[in-house]
């Protein structure tokens, strides 16, 4: 059964092994101590002065990934939030990402959001398929901060 919870200190080893250096949030060179501080900060739901909440995705009580909601000041006016999902490699292609997206839709509704935005690199074919399958619309194609082509997605709740 799929569920979610706040990240915990004991999740740091899982995150370090799977994502540090391969994720925009868990950047290269992040030490375990810095990661523990980041997890603690995320549980306050504020990061860099903005609403930011990252939660662990669990399958039968075992951590298999994360999802996050991020909101900038201009998103507040649109009653919108950005969504990010990471599923560990060993748990991909099993339907967990799709089920996680639909779980986040329900949570976003409970929190009172009307829109969910997402951004993904054009060359991330699995994520492009996931967004399409879950009903997101491509609203723009642009360049990411790193210079990669990316789609901006919208899902209206």
N, C-alpha and C. Protein backbone atom coordinates (compact mmCIF):
# COMPACT_ATOMS: atom_id res chain seq x y z
N UNK A 1 0.84 -1.18 0.00
CA UNK A 1 0.00 0.00 0.00
C UNK A 1 0.89 1.25 0.00
N UNK A 2 0.58 2.18 -0.87
CA UNK A 2 1.36 3.40 -0.99
C UNK A 2 0.89 4.43 0.02
N UNK A 3 1.85 5.08 0.69
CA UNK A 3 1.54 6.13 1.66
C UNK A 3 2.67 7.15 1.65
N UNK A 4 2.56 8.18 2.48
CA UNK A 4 3.60 9.19 2.57
C UNK A 4 3.75 9.64 4.01
N UNK A 5 4.89 10.25 4.30
CA UNK A 5 5.17 10.81 5.63
C UNK A 5 6.29 11.82 5.50
N UNK A 6 6.48 12.63 6.56
CA UNK A 6 7.62 13.53 6.60
C UNK A 6 8.90 12.72 6.53
N UNK A 7 9.93 13.31 5.95
CA UNK A 7 11.23 12.66 5.94
C UNK A 7 11.77 12.63 7.36
N UNK A 8 12.55 11.62 7.65
CA UNK A 8 13.12 11.44 8.97
C UNK A 8 14.63 11.35 8.86
N UNK A 9 15.30 11.55 9.98
CA UNK A 9 16.76 11.50 10.00
C UNK A 9 17.28 10.17 9.46
N UNK A 10 16.59 9.08 9.77
CA UNK A 10 17.07 7.77 9.31
C UNK A 10 16.86 7.55 7.81
N UNK A 11 16.23 8.50 7.11
CA UNK A 11 16.07 8.43 5.65
C UNK A 11 17.31 8.95 4.93
N UNK A 12 18.21 9.60 5.65
CA UNK A 12 19.37 10.25 5.02
C UNK A 12 20.25 9.26 4.26
N UNK A 13 20.48 8.08 4.80
CA UNK A 13 21.32 7.09 4.11
C UNK A 13 20.69 6.70 2.77
N UNK A 14 19.38 6.50 2.75
CA UNK A 14 18.65 6.17 1.52
C UNK A 14 18.83 7.28 0.49
N UNK A 15 18.67 8.52 0.92
CA UNK A 15 18.77 9.67 0.03
C UNK A 15 20.21 9.83 -0.47
N UNK A 16 21.18 9.74 0.43
CA UNK A 16 22.59 9.86 0.03
C UNK A 16 22.95 8.83 -1.02
N UNK A 17 22.53 7.61 -0.83
CA UNK A 17 22.88 6.52 -1.75
C UNK A 17 22.24 6.70 -3.12
N UNK A 18 21.04 7.24 -3.18
CA UNK A 18 20.30 7.26 -4.43
C UNK A 18 20.30 8.59 -5.17
N UNK A 19 20.34 9.73 -4.45
CA UNK A 19 20.09 10.99 -5.13
C UNK A 19 21.14 12.06 -4.99
N UNK A 20 21.96 12.03 -3.99
CA UNK A 20 22.92 13.13 -3.84
C UNK A 20 23.82 13.16 -5.07
N UNK A 21 23.83 14.31 -5.70
CA UNK A 21 24.61 14.50 -6.92
C UNK A 21 23.84 14.24 -8.19
N UNK A 22 22.64 13.68 -8.09
CA UNK A 22 21.84 13.38 -9.29
C UNK A 22 20.50 14.11 -9.28
N UNK A 23 20.27 14.94 -8.27
CA UNK A 23 18.99 15.61 -8.11
C UNK A 23 19.24 17.09 -7.88
N UNK A 24 18.33 17.94 -8.33
CA UNK A 24 18.52 19.37 -8.13
C UNK A 24 18.46 19.76 -6.65
N UNK A 25 17.68 19.05 -5.88
CA UNK A 25 17.57 19.34 -4.45
C UNK A 25 18.79 18.80 -3.71
N UNK A 26 19.14 17.56 -4.00
CA UNK A 26 20.24 16.90 -3.31
C UNK A 26 21.51 17.02 -4.16
N UNK A 27 22.08 18.20 -4.13
CA UNK A 27 23.19 18.55 -5.02
C UNK A 27 24.48 17.77 -4.72
N UNK A 28 25.37 17.83 -5.68
CA UNK A 28 26.68 17.18 -5.57
C UNK A 28 27.43 17.71 -4.35
N UNK A 29 28.11 16.84 -3.65
CA UNK A 29 28.96 17.25 -2.55
C UNK A 29 28.25 17.47 -1.24
N UNK A 30 26.96 17.19 -1.17
CA UNK A 30 26.20 17.36 0.06
C UNK A 30 26.66 16.30 1.06
N UNK A 31 27.10 16.73 2.24
CA UNK A 31 27.53 15.78 3.26
C UNK A 31 26.32 15.23 4.00
N UNK A 32 26.52 14.16 4.74
CA UNK A 32 25.42 13.59 5.52
C UNK A 32 24.92 14.60 6.55
N UNK A 33 25.82 15.35 7.15
CA UNK A 33 25.43 16.36 8.13
C UNK A 33 24.58 17.45 7.47
N UNK A 34 25.01 17.92 6.29
CA UNK A 34 24.24 18.93 5.56
C UNK A 34 22.88 18.38 5.15
N UNK A 35 22.85 17.11 4.75
CA UNK A 35 21.59 16.48 4.37
C UNK A 35 20.65 16.40 5.57
N UNK A 36 21.16 16.04 6.73
CA UNK A 36 20.33 15.99 7.94
C UNK A 36 19.72 17.37 8.23
N UNK A 37 20.52 18.41 8.09
CA UNK A 37 20.02 19.78 8.30
C UNK A 37 18.96 20.14 7.27
N UNK A 38 19.18 19.72 6.02
CA UNK A 38 18.21 20.00 4.96
C UNK A 38 16.89 19.28 5.23
N UNK A 39 16.95 18.02 5.66
CA UNK A 39 15.74 17.27 5.99
C UNK A 39 15.00 17.95 7.14
N UNK A 40 15.75 18.39 8.13
CA UNK A 40 15.14 19.10 9.27
C UNK A 40 14.45 20.38 8.80
N UNK A 41 15.13 21.12 7.91
CA UNK A 41 14.56 22.35 7.37
C UNK A 41 13.30 22.06 6.56
N UNK A 42 13.32 20.99 5.75
CA UNK A 42 12.16 20.66 4.93
C UNK A 42 10.94 20.33 5.78
N UNK A 43 11.18 19.79 6.95
CA UNK A 43 10.05 19.47 7.83
C UNK A 43 9.44 20.72 8.46
N UNK A 44 10.12 21.87 8.33
CA UNK A 44 9.53 23.13 8.78
C UNK A 44 8.62 23.70 7.69
N UNK A 45 8.71 23.13 6.49
CA UNK A 45 7.93 23.53 5.32
C UNK A 45 8.34 24.88 4.74
N UNK A 46 9.56 25.32 5.08
CA UNK A 46 10.11 26.55 4.51
C UNK A 46 11.53 26.25 4.06
N UNK A 47 11.86 26.65 2.82
CA UNK A 47 13.21 26.47 2.29
C UNK A 47 13.52 27.69 1.43
N UNK A 48 14.62 28.35 1.71
CA UNK A 48 15.00 29.58 1.00
C UNK A 48 13.89 30.62 1.02
N UNK A 49 13.18 30.69 2.13
CA UNK A 49 12.13 31.70 2.31
C UNK A 49 10.80 31.39 1.64
N UNK A 50 10.68 30.23 1.01
CA UNK A 50 9.43 29.85 0.33
C UNK A 50 8.86 28.59 0.95
N UNK A 51 7.55 28.40 0.75
CA UNK A 51 6.93 27.14 1.18
C UNK A 51 7.55 26.01 0.39
N UNK A 52 8.05 25.02 1.09
CA UNK A 52 8.66 23.86 0.46
C UNK A 52 8.45 22.67 1.39
N UNK A 53 7.82 21.68 0.88
CA UNK A 53 7.54 20.49 1.69
C UNK A 53 7.95 19.26 0.90
N UNK A 54 8.83 18.45 1.47
CA UNK A 54 9.22 17.20 0.84
C UNK A 54 8.79 16.06 1.76
N UNK A 55 8.13 15.09 1.17
CA UNK A 55 7.63 13.95 1.92
C UNK A 55 8.17 12.66 1.33
N UNK A 56 8.31 11.67 2.19
CA UNK A 56 8.75 10.36 1.74
C UNK A 56 7.59 9.56 1.20
N UNK A 57 7.82 8.83 0.12
CA UNK A 57 6.83 7.92 -0.46
C UNK A 57 7.19 6.52 0.04
N UNK A 58 6.21 5.84 0.62
CA UNK A 58 6.44 4.51 1.16
C UNK A 58 5.57 3.48 0.48
N UNK A 59 6.13 2.31 0.24
CA UNK A 59 5.36 1.17 -0.23
C UNK A 59 5.41 0.12 0.87
N UNK A 60 4.26 -0.18 1.42
CA UNK A 60 4.17 -1.11 2.56
C UNK A 60 5.14 -0.72 3.67
N UNK A 61 5.24 0.59 3.94
CA UNK A 61 6.06 1.09 5.03
C UNK A 61 7.53 1.27 4.72
N UNK A 62 7.96 0.94 3.49
CA UNK A 62 9.37 1.05 3.11
C UNK A 62 9.54 2.26 2.18
N UNK A 63 10.50 3.13 2.51
CA UNK A 63 10.76 4.31 1.71
C UNK A 63 11.22 3.93 0.30
N UNK A 64 10.52 4.43 -0.72
CA UNK A 64 10.89 4.15 -2.11
C UNK A 64 11.12 5.41 -2.92
N UNK A 65 10.82 6.58 -2.35
CA UNK A 65 10.98 7.82 -3.09
C UNK A 65 10.55 9.02 -2.28
N UNK A 66 10.47 10.14 -2.97
CA UNK A 66 10.02 11.39 -2.35
C UNK A 66 9.14 12.16 -3.33
N UNK A 67 8.35 13.05 -2.76
CA UNK A 67 7.69 14.06 -3.59
C UNK A 67 7.73 15.37 -2.83
N UNK A 68 7.67 16.45 -3.59
CA UNK A 68 7.74 17.76 -2.96
C UNK A 68 6.72 18.71 -3.56
N UNK A 69 6.29 19.63 -2.71
CA UNK A 69 5.48 20.77 -3.11
C UNK A 69 6.31 22.01 -2.86
N UNK A 70 6.33 22.91 -3.82
CA UNK A 70 7.11 24.14 -3.71
C UNK A 70 6.23 25.27 -4.20
N UNK A 71 6.26 26.37 -3.46
CA UNK A 71 5.43 27.51 -3.85
C UNK A 71 6.23 28.79 -3.70
N UNK A 72 6.27 29.56 -4.78
CA UNK A 72 6.88 30.88 -4.74
C UNK A 72 5.78 31.91 -4.50
N UNK A 73 6.19 33.11 -4.19
CA UNK A 73 5.21 34.16 -3.87
C UNK A 73 4.19 34.36 -4.99
N UNK A 74 4.66 34.36 -6.25
CA UNK A 74 3.72 34.59 -7.35
C UNK A 74 2.73 33.44 -7.54
N UNK A 75 3.09 32.22 -7.07
CA UNK A 75 2.18 31.08 -7.18
C UNK A 75 1.00 31.20 -6.22
N UNK A 76 1.18 31.94 -5.14
CA UNK A 76 0.12 32.10 -4.15
C UNK A 76 -1.11 32.73 -4.79
N UNK A 77 -0.91 33.71 -5.65
CA UNK A 77 -2.03 34.38 -6.32
C UNK A 77 -2.82 33.43 -7.19
N UNK A 78 -2.15 32.44 -7.77
CA UNK A 78 -2.83 31.47 -8.64
C UNK A 78 -3.32 30.26 -7.86
N UNK A 79 -3.08 30.25 -6.55
CA UNK A 79 -3.43 29.10 -5.72
C UNK A 79 -2.79 27.83 -6.30
N UNK A 80 -1.50 27.96 -6.63
CA UNK A 80 -0.77 26.91 -7.33
C UNK A 80 0.42 26.44 -6.51
N UNK A 81 0.90 25.25 -6.86
CA UNK A 81 2.07 24.67 -6.23
C UNK A 81 2.83 23.88 -7.30
N UNK A 82 4.16 23.84 -7.16
CA UNK A 82 4.99 23.01 -8.04
C UNK A 82 5.17 21.64 -7.42
N UNK A 83 5.21 20.63 -8.26
CA UNK A 83 5.35 19.24 -7.82
C UNK A 83 6.64 18.66 -8.37
N UNK A 84 7.35 17.95 -7.52
CA UNK A 84 8.53 17.20 -7.94
C UNK A 84 8.46 15.80 -7.37
N UNK A 85 8.84 14.80 -8.14
CA UNK A 85 8.78 13.40 -7.69
C UNK A 85 10.11 12.72 -8.00
N UNK A 86 10.58 11.93 -7.07
CA UNK A 86 11.76 11.07 -7.26
C UNK A 86 11.40 9.68 -6.76
N UNK A 87 11.52 8.68 -7.61
CA UNK A 87 11.32 7.29 -7.22
C UNK A 87 12.67 6.59 -7.41
N UNK A 88 13.09 5.80 -6.43
CA UNK A 88 14.40 5.15 -6.51
C UNK A 88 14.44 4.22 -7.72
N UNK A 89 15.65 4.11 -8.31
CA UNK A 89 15.81 3.33 -9.54
C UNK A 89 15.26 1.92 -9.44
N UNK A 90 15.50 1.27 -8.32
CA UNK A 90 15.04 -0.12 -8.17
C UNK A 90 13.53 -0.24 -8.07
N UNK A 91 12.84 0.90 -7.92
CA UNK A 91 11.38 0.88 -7.83
C UNK A 91 10.69 1.54 -9.02
N UNK A 92 11.45 1.84 -10.05
CA UNK A 92 10.86 2.43 -11.26
C UNK A 92 10.24 1.34 -12.13
N UNK A 93 9.36 1.78 -13.01
CA UNK A 93 8.66 0.90 -13.96
C UNK A 93 7.75 -0.10 -13.24
N UNK A 94 7.27 0.27 -12.07
CA UNK A 94 6.37 -0.59 -11.29
C UNK A 94 5.05 0.12 -10.99
N UNK A 95 4.86 1.31 -11.57
CA UNK A 95 3.62 2.06 -11.37
C UNK A 95 3.62 2.97 -10.15
N UNK A 96 4.73 3.02 -9.42
CA UNK A 96 4.77 3.84 -8.21
C UNK A 96 4.71 5.33 -8.52
N UNK A 97 5.37 5.77 -9.58
CA UNK A 97 5.35 7.20 -9.91
C UNK A 97 3.93 7.65 -10.25
N UNK A 98 3.23 6.86 -11.05
CA UNK A 98 1.85 7.21 -11.42
C UNK A 98 0.97 7.27 -10.17
N UNK A 99 1.08 6.27 -9.34
CA UNK A 99 0.27 6.24 -8.11
C UNK A 99 0.65 7.40 -7.18
N UNK A 100 1.94 7.76 -7.17
CA UNK A 100 2.38 8.89 -6.35
C UNK A 100 1.78 10.19 -6.86
N UNK A 101 1.78 10.39 -8.18
CA UNK A 101 1.20 11.61 -8.74
C UNK A 101 -0.27 11.73 -8.33
N UNK A 102 -1.04 10.66 -8.47
CA UNK A 102 -2.45 10.74 -8.10
C UNK A 102 -2.63 10.95 -6.60
N UNK A 103 -1.72 10.41 -5.79
CA UNK A 103 -1.75 10.65 -4.34
C UNK A 103 -1.48 12.13 -4.05
N UNK A 104 -0.54 12.73 -4.81
CA UNK A 104 -0.24 14.15 -4.59
C UNK A 104 -1.40 15.04 -5.04
N UNK A 105 -2.14 14.61 -6.06
CA UNK A 105 -3.32 15.38 -6.47
C UNK A 105 -4.30 15.48 -5.31
N UNK A 106 -4.55 14.36 -4.65
CA UNK A 106 -5.48 14.35 -3.51
C UNK A 106 -4.98 15.23 -2.38
N UNK A 107 -3.70 15.13 -2.06
CA UNK A 107 -3.13 15.95 -0.99
C UNK A 107 -3.19 17.43 -1.35
N UNK A 108 -2.90 17.76 -2.60
CA UNK A 108 -2.96 19.16 -3.03
C UNK A 108 -4.39 19.71 -2.90
N UNK A 109 -5.37 18.89 -3.26
CA UNK A 109 -6.78 19.31 -3.09
C UNK A 109 -7.08 19.56 -1.62
N UNK A 110 -6.64 18.65 -0.75
CA UNK A 110 -6.86 18.81 0.69
C UNK A 110 -6.23 20.10 1.20
N UNK A 111 -5.10 20.49 0.64
CA UNK A 111 -4.41 21.70 1.06
C UNK A 111 -5.02 22.96 0.42
N UNK A 112 -6.00 22.77 -0.47
CA UNK A 112 -6.71 23.89 -1.06
C UNK A 112 -6.12 24.44 -2.35
N UNK A 113 -5.20 23.71 -2.98
CA UNK A 113 -4.61 24.19 -4.23
C UNK A 113 -5.56 23.95 -5.39
N UNK A 114 -5.47 24.81 -6.41
CA UNK A 114 -6.30 24.69 -7.60
C UNK A 114 -5.49 24.22 -8.81
N UNK A 115 -4.16 24.43 -8.77
CA UNK A 115 -3.31 24.09 -9.90
C UNK A 115 -2.02 23.46 -9.40
N UNK A 116 -1.49 22.56 -10.23
CA UNK A 116 -0.17 21.99 -9.97
C UNK A 116 0.68 22.22 -11.21
N UNK A 117 1.84 22.81 -10.99
CA UNK A 117 2.82 23.00 -12.05
C UNK A 117 3.94 21.99 -11.87
N UNK A 118 4.61 21.68 -12.96
CA UNK A 118 5.76 20.80 -12.92
C UNK A 118 6.66 21.18 -14.08
N UNK A 119 7.94 20.89 -13.94
CA UNK A 119 8.90 21.14 -15.03
C UNK A 119 9.75 19.90 -15.17
N UNK A 120 9.96 19.51 -16.42
CA UNK A 120 10.78 18.32 -16.68
C UNK A 120 11.56 18.50 -17.96
N UNK A 121 12.76 17.95 -17.96
CA UNK A 121 13.58 17.99 -19.17
C UNK A 121 12.89 17.22 -20.29
N UNK A 122 12.97 17.76 -21.49
CA UNK A 122 12.38 17.15 -22.67
C UNK A 122 12.97 15.76 -22.92
N UNK A 123 14.26 15.59 -22.62
CA UNK A 123 14.91 14.31 -22.89
C UNK A 123 14.66 13.25 -21.81
N UNK A 124 13.90 13.58 -20.77
CA UNK A 124 13.53 12.59 -19.75
C UNK A 124 12.23 11.93 -20.22
N UNK A 125 12.38 10.97 -21.11
CA UNK A 125 11.23 10.35 -21.78
C UNK A 125 10.25 9.71 -20.79
N UNK A 126 10.76 9.06 -19.75
CA UNK A 126 9.88 8.41 -18.78
C UNK A 126 9.01 9.45 -18.07
N UNK A 127 9.61 10.57 -17.69
CA UNK A 127 8.84 11.60 -17.00
C UNK A 127 7.85 12.29 -17.94
N UNK A 128 8.24 12.48 -19.19
CA UNK A 128 7.32 13.06 -20.18
C UNK A 128 6.10 12.15 -20.33
N UNK A 129 6.32 10.81 -20.42
CA UNK A 129 5.20 9.86 -20.51
C UNK A 129 4.34 9.90 -19.24
N UNK A 130 4.99 10.00 -18.09
CA UNK A 130 4.25 10.05 -16.83
C UNK A 130 3.34 11.26 -16.78
N UNK A 131 3.85 12.42 -17.13
CA UNK A 131 3.04 13.64 -17.09
C UNK A 131 1.84 13.54 -18.04
N UNK A 132 2.08 12.99 -19.22
CA UNK A 132 0.98 12.82 -20.18
C UNK A 132 -0.07 11.84 -19.63
N UNK A 133 0.41 10.72 -19.12
CA UNK A 133 -0.49 9.69 -18.57
C UNK A 133 -1.35 10.23 -17.43
N UNK A 134 -0.79 11.13 -16.64
CA UNK A 134 -1.50 11.66 -15.47
C UNK A 134 -2.35 12.88 -15.78
N UNK A 135 -2.36 13.32 -17.04
CA UNK A 135 -3.26 14.39 -17.45
C UNK A 135 -2.69 15.80 -17.41
N UNK A 136 -1.38 15.94 -17.25
CA UNK A 136 -0.77 17.27 -17.31
C UNK A 136 -0.79 17.79 -18.74
N UNK A 137 -0.91 19.10 -18.89
CA UNK A 137 -0.81 19.76 -20.18
C UNK A 137 0.53 20.45 -20.28
N UNK A 138 1.17 20.38 -21.44
CA UNK A 138 2.38 21.17 -21.67
C UNK A 138 1.94 22.60 -21.94
N UNK A 139 2.43 23.53 -21.14
CA UNK A 139 2.04 24.93 -21.34
C UNK A 139 3.15 25.77 -21.95
N UNK A 140 4.38 25.24 -21.88
CA UNK A 140 5.50 25.99 -22.45
C UNK A 140 6.71 25.08 -22.58
N UNK A 141 7.53 25.36 -23.57
CA UNK A 141 8.82 24.69 -23.73
C UNK A 141 9.87 25.78 -23.63
N UNK A 142 10.85 25.58 -22.76
CA UNK A 142 11.87 26.61 -22.56
C UNK A 142 13.19 25.97 -22.18
N UNK A 143 14.13 26.76 -21.73
CA UNK A 143 15.42 26.26 -21.27
C UNK A 143 15.46 26.30 -19.74
N UNK A 144 15.97 25.24 -19.14
CA UNK A 144 16.16 25.22 -17.70
C UNK A 144 17.35 26.10 -17.34
N UNK A 145 17.55 26.32 -16.04
CA UNK A 145 18.69 27.12 -15.58
C UNK A 145 20.01 26.50 -16.04
N UNK A 146 20.01 25.18 -16.18
CA UNK A 146 21.23 24.47 -16.61
C UNK A 146 21.37 24.45 -18.14
N UNK A 147 20.42 25.06 -18.87
CA UNK A 147 20.51 25.13 -20.32
C UNK A 147 19.89 23.97 -21.06
N UNK A 148 19.11 23.13 -20.38
CA UNK A 148 18.45 21.99 -21.01
C UNK A 148 17.04 22.39 -21.45
N UNK A 149 16.58 21.84 -22.58
CA UNK A 149 15.20 22.05 -22.99
C UNK A 149 14.29 21.40 -21.96
N UNK A 150 13.24 22.12 -21.57
CA UNK A 150 12.33 21.60 -20.55
C UNK A 150 10.90 21.98 -20.90
N UNK A 151 9.98 21.11 -20.50
CA UNK A 151 8.57 21.40 -20.60
C UNK A 151 8.07 21.92 -19.26
N UNK A 152 7.23 22.94 -19.31
CA UNK A 152 6.48 23.37 -18.14
C UNK A 152 5.10 22.76 -18.29
N UNK A 153 4.65 22.10 -17.23
CA UNK A 153 3.36 21.40 -17.23
C UNK A 153 2.39 22.07 -16.28
N UNK A 154 1.10 21.85 -16.55
CA UNK A 154 0.03 22.32 -15.68
C UNK A 154 -1.01 21.21 -15.54
N UNK A 155 -1.48 21.04 -14.33
CA UNK A 155 -2.63 20.18 -14.06
C UNK A 155 -3.59 21.00 -13.22
N UNK A 156 -4.84 21.11 -13.69
CA UNK A 156 -5.86 21.84 -12.95
C UNK A 156 -6.65 20.84 -12.12
N UNK A 157 -6.66 21.08 -10.81
CA UNK A 157 -7.35 20.15 -9.90
C UNK A 157 -8.86 20.35 -9.94
